[in-house]
C-alpha atoms as a PDB file:
ATOM      1  CA  MET A   1       0.000   0.000   0.000  1.00  0.00           C
ATOM      2  CA  THR A   2       1.256   3.476  -0.837  1.00  0.00           C
ATOM      3  CA  HIS A   3       0.387   6.791   0.766  1.00  0.00           C
ATOM      4  CA  GLU A   4       0.549  10.267  -0.746  1.00  0.00           C
ATOM      5  CA  TYR A   5      -0.150  13.679   0.716  1.00  0.00           C
ATOM      6  CA  ASP A   6      -2.020  16.135  -1.487  1.00  0.00           C
ATOM      7  CA  ILE A   7      -1.478  19.552   0.089  1.00  0.00           C
ATOM      8  CA  ARG A   8      -4.495  21.719  -0.733  1.00  0.00           C
ATOM      9  CA  GLN A   9      -4.061  24.897   1.310  1.00  0.00           C
ATOM     10  CA  THR A  10      -1.920  26.544   3.946  1.00  0.00           C
ATOM     11  CA  LYS A  11      -2.610  29.493   6.180  1.00  0.00           C
ATOM     12  CA  HIS A  12       0.457  31.514   7.042  1.00  0.00           C
ATOM     13  CA  ASN A  13       1.545  34.838   8.470  1.00  0.00           C
ATOM     14  CA  VAL A  14       2.758  36.917   5.528  1.00  0.00           C
ATOM     15  CA  SER A  15       5.258  38.928   7.571  1.00  0.00           C
ATOM     16  CA  THR A  16       6.877  36.008   9.456  1.00  0.00           C
ATOM     17  CA  GLY A  17       6.332  33.095   7.066  1.00  0.00           C
ATOM     18  CA  VAL A  18       5.005  30.963   9.949  1.00  0.00           C
ATOM     19  CA  ILE A  19       2.510  28.348   8.729  1.00  0.00           C
ATOM     20  CA  SER A  20      -0.421  28.049  11.141  1.00  0.00           C
ATOM     21  CA  LYS A  21      -2.768  25.644   9.337  1.00  0.00           C
ATOM     22  CA  ILE A  22      -2.411  22.983   6.643  1.00  0.00           C
ATOM     23  CA  THR A  23      -5.319  21.411   4.773  1.00  0.00           C
ATOM     24  CA  PHE A  24      -4.480  18.217   2.911  1.00  0.00           C
ATOM     25  CA  TYR A  25      -5.748  14.910   1.625  1.00  0.00           C
ATOM     26  CA  ILE A  26      -4.073  11.633   2.430  1.00  0.00           C
ATOM     27  CA  LEU A  27      -4.438   9.157  -0.423  1.00  0.00           C
ATOM     28  CA  SER A  28      -3.843   5.464   0.205  1.00  0.00           C
ATOM     29  CA  THR A  29      -3.610   3.183  -2.812  1.00  0.00           C
ATOM     30  CA  GLU A  30      -3.706  -0.590  -3.108  1.00  0.00           C
ATOM     31  CA  GLY A  31      -3.807  -1.937  -6.669  1.00  0.00           C
ATOM     32  CA  ASP A  32      -6.641  -0.190  -8.510  1.00  0.00           C
ATOM     33  CA  TYR A  33      -8.232   1.154  -5.317  1.00  0.00           C
ATOM     34  CA  THR A  34      -7.610   4.523  -3.672  1.00  0.00           C
ATOM     35  CA  TRP A  35      -9.041   5.979  -0.479  1.00  0.00           C
ATOM     36  CA  LYS A  36      -8.848   9.744   0.085  1.00  0.00           C
ATOM     37  CA  THR A  37      -9.435  11.510   3.395  1.00  0.00           C
ATOM     38  CA  LYS A  38      -9.403  15.260   3.992  1.00  0.00           C
ATOM     39  CA  LYS A  39      -7.466  16.420   7.046  1.00  0.00           C
ATOM     40  CA  GLU A  40      -6.450  19.703   8.657  1.00  0.00           C
ATOM     41  CA  VAL A  41      -3.695  20.370  11.127  1.00  0.00           C
ATOM     42  CA  LEU A  42      -3.174  23.464  13.244  1.00  0.00           C
ATOM     43  CA  CYS A  43       0.489  24.218  13.658  1.00  0.00           C
ATOM     44  CA  GLY A  44       2.676  27.090  14.690  1.00  0.00           C
ATOM     45  CA  GLY A  45       6.098  28.122  15.723  1.00  0.00           C
ATOM     46  CA  SER A  46       8.409  31.042  15.380  1.00  0.00           C
ATOM     47  CA  PRO A  47      11.109  32.116  12.941  1.00  0.00           C
ATOM     48  CA  SER A  48      13.575  31.675  15.812  1.00  0.00           C
ATOM     49  CA  ASP A  49      12.741  27.940  16.172  1.00  0.00           C
ATOM     50  CA  GLU A  50      15.520  25.541  15.256  1.00  0.00           C
ATOM     51  CA  GLY A  51      14.974  24.213  11.730  1.00  0.00           C
ATOM     52  CA  PHE A  52      12.324  26.846  10.923  1.00  0.00           C
ATOM     53  CA  ILE A  53      11.383  26.874   7.235  1.00  0.00           C
ATOM     54  CA  PRO A  54       9.415  29.928   6.091  1.00  0.00           C
ATOM     55  CA  PHE A  55       6.323  29.522   3.916  1.00  0.00           C
ATOM     56  CA  ALA A  56       8.067  30.899   0.819  1.00  0.00           C
ATOM     57  CA  SER A  57      10.802  28.245   1.038  1.00  0.00           C
ATOM     58  CA  ALA A  58       8.708  25.225   2.048  1.00  0.00           C
ATOM     59  CA  SER A  59       8.758  22.157  -0.212  1.00  0.00           C
ATOM     60  CA  GLN A  60       6.328  19.217  -0.315  1.00  0.00           C
ATOM     61  CA  ALA A  61       8.651  17.292   1.997  1.00  0.00           C
ATOM     62  CA  ASP A  62       8.858  20.240   4.411  1.00  0.00           C
ATOM     63  CA  ILE A  63       5.062  20.504   4.602  1.00  0.00           C
ATOM     64  CA  GLU A  64       4.763  16.745   5.189  1.00  0.00           C
ATOM     65  CA  ASN A  65       7.333  17.031   7.990  1.00  0.00           C
ATOM     66  CA  ILE A  66       5.270  19.798   9.588  1.00  0.00           C
ATOM     67  CA  ILE A  67       2.142  17.619   9.326  1.00  0.00           C
ATOM     68  CA  HIS A  68       3.945  14.705  10.967  1.00  0.00           C
ATOM     69  CA  LYS A  69       5.216  16.948  13.752  1.00  0.00           C
ATOM     70  CA  TYR A  70       1.597  17.454  14.849  1.00  0.00           C
ATOM     71  CA  LEU A  71      -0.142  14.305  13.557  1.00  0.00           C
ATOM     72  CA  ASP A  72       1.487  10.900  13.885  1.00  0.00           C
ATOM     73  CA  LYS A  73       2.409   9.564  10.425  1.00  0.00           C
ATOM     74  CA  ASN A  74       1.797   5.903  11.337  1.00  0.00           C
ATOM     75  CA  THR A  75      -1.631   6.702  12.783  1.00  0.00           C
ATOM     76  CA  LEU A  76      -2.679   8.777   9.740  1.00  0.00           C
ATOM     77  CA  GLU A  77      -1.604   6.102   7.288  1.00  0.00           C
ATOM     78  CA  SER A  78      -2.963   3.188   9.334  1.00  0.00           C
ATOM     79  CA  GLU A  79      -6.398   4.804   9.671  1.00  0.00           C
ATOM     80  CA  ASN A  80      -6.560   5.525   5.955  1.00  0.00           C
ATOM     81  CA  SER A  81      -5.354   1.994   5.149  1.00  0.00           C
ATOM     82  CA  ALA A  82      -8.091   0.545   7.333  1.00  0.00           C
ATOM     83  CA  SER A  83     -10.732   2.640   5.563  1.00  0.00           C
ATOM     84  CA  LEU A  84      -9.451   1.471   2.184  1.00  0.00           C
ATOM     85  CA  ALA A  85      -9.403  -2.159   3.313  1.00  0.00           C
ATOM     86  CA  THR A  86     -13.018  -1.867   4.468  1.00  0.00           C
ATOM     87  CA  TYR A  87     -13.996  -0.307   1.143  1.00  0.00           C
ATOM     88  CA  ILE A  88     -12.290  -3.101  -0.823  1.00  0.00           C
ATOM     89  CA  ALA A  89     -13.884  -5.792   1.373  1.00  0.00           C
ATOM     90  CA  GLU A  90     -17.361  -4.403   0.678  1.00  0.00           C
ATOM     91  CA  GLY A  91     -16.933  -4.939  -3.117  1.00  0.00           C
ATOM     92  CA  PRO A  92     -17.351  -6.172  -5.808  1.00  0.00           C
ATOM     93  CA  TYR A  93     -17.581  -2.933  -7.732  1.00  0.00           C
ATOM     94  CA  GLU A  94     -18.461  -2.192 -11.309  1.00  0.00           C
ATOM     95  CA  VAL A  95     -15.507  -0.953 -13.307  1.00  0.00           C
ATOM     96  CA  TYR A  96     -16.003   1.774 -15.894  1.00  0.00           C
ATOM     97  CA  SER A  97     -13.753   2.915 -18.687  1.00  0.00           C
ATOM     98  CA  ASN A  98     -13.773   5.981 -20.928  1.00  0.00           C
ATOM     99  CA  ALA A  99     -12.033   4.086 -23.717  1.00  0.00           C
ATOM    100  CA  LEU A 100     -13.502   3.661 -27.176  1.00  0.00           C
ATOM    101  CA  PRO A 101     -14.264   0.204 -28.601  1.00  0.00           C
ATOM    102  CA  PRO A 102     -11.235  -1.265 -30.415  1.00  0.00           C
ATOM    103  CA  ASN A 103     -12.884  -1.036 -33.877  1.00  0.00           C
ATOM    104  CA  ILE A 104     -13.632   2.681 -33.759  1.00  0.00           C
END
């Protein structure tokens, strides 16, 4: 199973660069199935904190590290995995395709 973080929005102080809120989706994928859960985390800090990364310099990895500072990575991913496993177990599901027939 794989897990991805889709960062959707951050709230930050323009003058200090301190990020105070992150809105994101965690996507867990197993084969053809994906489960997506929206999450928010309130965070904070100060430019004088060790390892501080201002908003304007933050990468995907930096934002994920901030998330995991406030929300346990294993818990987030385990909960999403469990939701996906439940969804898969409730199948079977109809599969749709947007493809054209081979003779067109």
